[in-house]
């Protein structure tokens, strides 16, 4: 099916670039039960986005050294 205004071929790199630039959240639940008794419940939430996108959405600057995020203009030291 051809969508107007869209290129005919979309590479994996193009798709990954779009996902990282826009951001995507994947959420799901895993439940392992036996005889209608829940033995294990896992709630998963996965966020895929670029650091630049996270900074614009949250208004915070993320540090690559594992430190706490800071507001723009704050001294990161």
C-alpha atoms as a PDB file:
ATOM      1  CA  UNK A   1       0.000   0.000   0.000  1.00  0.00           C
ATOM      2  CA  UNK A   2       1.475   3.326  -1.033  1.00  0.00           C
ATOM      3  CA  UNK A   3       1.081   6.326   1.274  1.00  0.00           C
ATOM      4  CA  UNK A   4       1.185   9.739  -0.451  1.00  0.00           C
ATOM      5  CA  UNK A   5       4.235  11.784   0.494  1.00  0.00           C
ATOM      6  CA  UNK A   6       6.140   8.801   1.887  1.00  0.00           C
ATOM      7  CA  UNK A   7       9.251   7.335   0.253  1.00  0.00           C
ATOM      8  CA  UNK A   8       8.880   3.929  -1.376  1.00  0.00           C
ATOM      9  CA  UNK A   9      11.690   2.262   0.554  1.00  0.00           C
ATOM     10  CA  UNK A  10      12.302   2.717   4.275  1.00  0.00           C
ATOM     11  CA  UNK A  11      15.547   1.325   5.655  1.00  0.00           C
ATOM     12  CA  UNK A  12      16.074   0.112   9.189  1.00  0.00           C
ATOM     13  CA  UNK A  13      18.360   3.103   9.795  1.00  0.00           C
ATOM     14  CA  UNK A  14      15.605   5.534   8.714  1.00  0.00           C
ATOM     15  CA  UNK A  15      13.102   3.840  10.991  1.00  0.00           C
ATOM     16  CA  UNK A  16      15.491   3.863  13.954  1.00  0.00           C
ATOM     17  CA  UNK A  17      16.287   7.539  13.356  1.00  0.00           C
ATOM     18  CA  UNK A  18      12.577   8.416  13.375  1.00  0.00           C
ATOM     19  CA  UNK A  19      11.962   6.468  16.574  1.00  0.00           C
ATOM     20  CA  UNK A  20      14.897   8.059  18.387  1.00  0.00           C
ATOM     21  CA  UNK A  21      14.019  11.588  17.208  1.00  0.00           C
ATOM     22  CA  UNK A  22      10.345  11.302  18.191  1.00  0.00           C
ATOM     23  CA  UNK A  23      10.646   8.899  21.111  1.00  0.00           C
ATOM     24  CA  UNK A  24       8.548   5.844  21.864  1.00  0.00           C
ATOM     25  CA  UNK A  25       7.249   4.206  25.033  1.00  0.00           C
ATOM     26  CA  UNK A  26       6.544   0.482  25.177  1.00  0.00           C
ATOM     27  CA  UNK A  27       4.575  -0.760  28.163  1.00  0.00           C
ATOM     28  CA  UNK A  28       3.430  -4.229  29.091  1.00  0.00           C
ATOM     29  CA  UNK A  29       2.731  -6.712  31.852  1.00  0.00           C
ATOM     30  CA  UNK A  30       3.971 -10.264  32.316  1.00  0.00           C
ATOM     31  CA  UNK A  31       2.077 -12.528  34.695  1.00  0.00           C
ATOM     32  CA  UNK A  32       3.078 -16.097  35.490  1.00  0.00           C
ATOM     33  CA  UNK A  33       0.375 -17.987  37.317  1.00  0.00           C
ATOM     34  CA  UNK A  34      -0.359 -21.533  38.373  1.00  0.00           C
ATOM     35  CA  UNK A  35      -3.896 -22.722  39.147  1.00  0.00           C
ATOM     36  CA  UNK A  36      -5.197 -19.120  38.957  1.00  0.00           C
ATOM     37  CA  UNK A  37      -2.633 -17.967  41.550  1.00  0.00           C
ATOM     38  CA  UNK A  38      -0.254 -15.273  40.371  1.00  0.00           C
ATOM     39  CA  UNK A  39       3.304 -16.351  41.132  1.00  0.00           C
ATOM     40  CA  UNK A  40       5.153 -13.573  39.319  1.00  0.00           C
ATOM     41  CA  UNK A  41       4.015 -10.172  38.085  1.00  0.00           C
ATOM     42  CA  UNK A  42       6.349  -7.914  36.095  1.00  0.00           C
ATOM     43  CA  UNK A  43       5.322  -4.453  34.891  1.00  0.00           C
ATOM     44  CA  UNK A  44       7.597  -3.299  32.063  1.00  0.00           C
ATOM     45  CA  UNK A  45       8.022   0.226  30.759  1.00  0.00           C
ATOM     46  CA  UNK A  46      10.632   0.945  28.082  1.00  0.00           C
ATOM     47  CA  UNK A  47      11.475   4.441  26.845  1.00  0.00           C
ATOM     48  CA  UNK A  48      13.485   4.886  23.651  1.00  0.00           C
ATOM     49  CA  UNK A  49      14.474   8.451  22.750  1.00  0.00           C
ATOM     50  CA  UNK A  50      17.520  10.600  22.145  1.00  0.00           C
ATOM     51  CA  UNK A  51      19.046  12.567  25.019  1.00  0.00           C
ATOM     52  CA  UNK A  52      18.267  15.807  23.163  1.00  0.00           C
ATOM     53  CA  UNK A  53      14.567  14.859  22.950  1.00  0.00           C
ATOM     54  CA  UNK A  54      14.469  13.977  26.651  1.00  0.00           C
ATOM     55  CA  UNK A  55      16.040  17.321  27.517  1.00  0.00           C
ATOM     56  CA  UNK A  56      13.492  19.290  25.491  1.00  0.00           C
ATOM     57  CA  UNK A  57      10.529  17.372  26.915  1.00  0.00           C
ATOM     58  CA  UNK A  58      11.637  17.355  30.558  1.00  0.00           C
ATOM     59  CA  UNK A  59      13.389  20.735  30.703  1.00  0.00           C
ATOM     60  CA  UNK A  60      16.389  19.080  32.377  1.00  0.00           C
ATOM     61  CA  UNK A  61      19.911  18.362  31.183  1.00  0.00           C
ATOM     62  CA  UNK A  62      20.976  14.734  31.502  1.00  0.00           C
ATOM     63  CA  UNK A  63      24.546  13.995  32.465  1.00  0.00           C
ATOM     64  CA  UNK A  64      26.508  11.169  30.856  1.00  0.00           C
ATOM     65  CA  UNK A  65      28.551  10.524  34.013  1.00  0.00           C
ATOM     66  CA  UNK A  66      25.574   9.023  35.855  1.00  0.00           C
ATOM     67  CA  UNK A  67      24.920  12.108  37.974  1.00  0.00           C
ATOM     68  CA  UNK A  68      21.508  13.564  38.685  1.00  0.00           C
ATOM     69  CA  UNK A  69      19.777  15.592  35.949  1.00  0.00           C
ATOM     70  CA  UNK A  70      20.030  19.357  36.303  1.00  0.00           C
ATOM     71  CA  UNK A  71      17.871  22.244  35.207  1.00  0.00           C
ATOM     72  CA  UNK A  72      19.296  24.431  32.399  1.00  0.00           C
ATOM     73  CA  UNK A  73      21.393  27.186  33.943  1.00  0.00           C
ATOM     74  CA  UNK A  74      22.218  25.195  37.100  1.00  0.00           C
ATOM     75  CA  UNK A  75      25.857  24.524  37.878  1.00  0.00           C
ATOM     76  CA  UNK A  76      26.410  20.787  37.164  1.00  0.00           C
ATOM     77  CA  UNK A  77      29.390  20.598  39.540  1.00  0.00           C
END
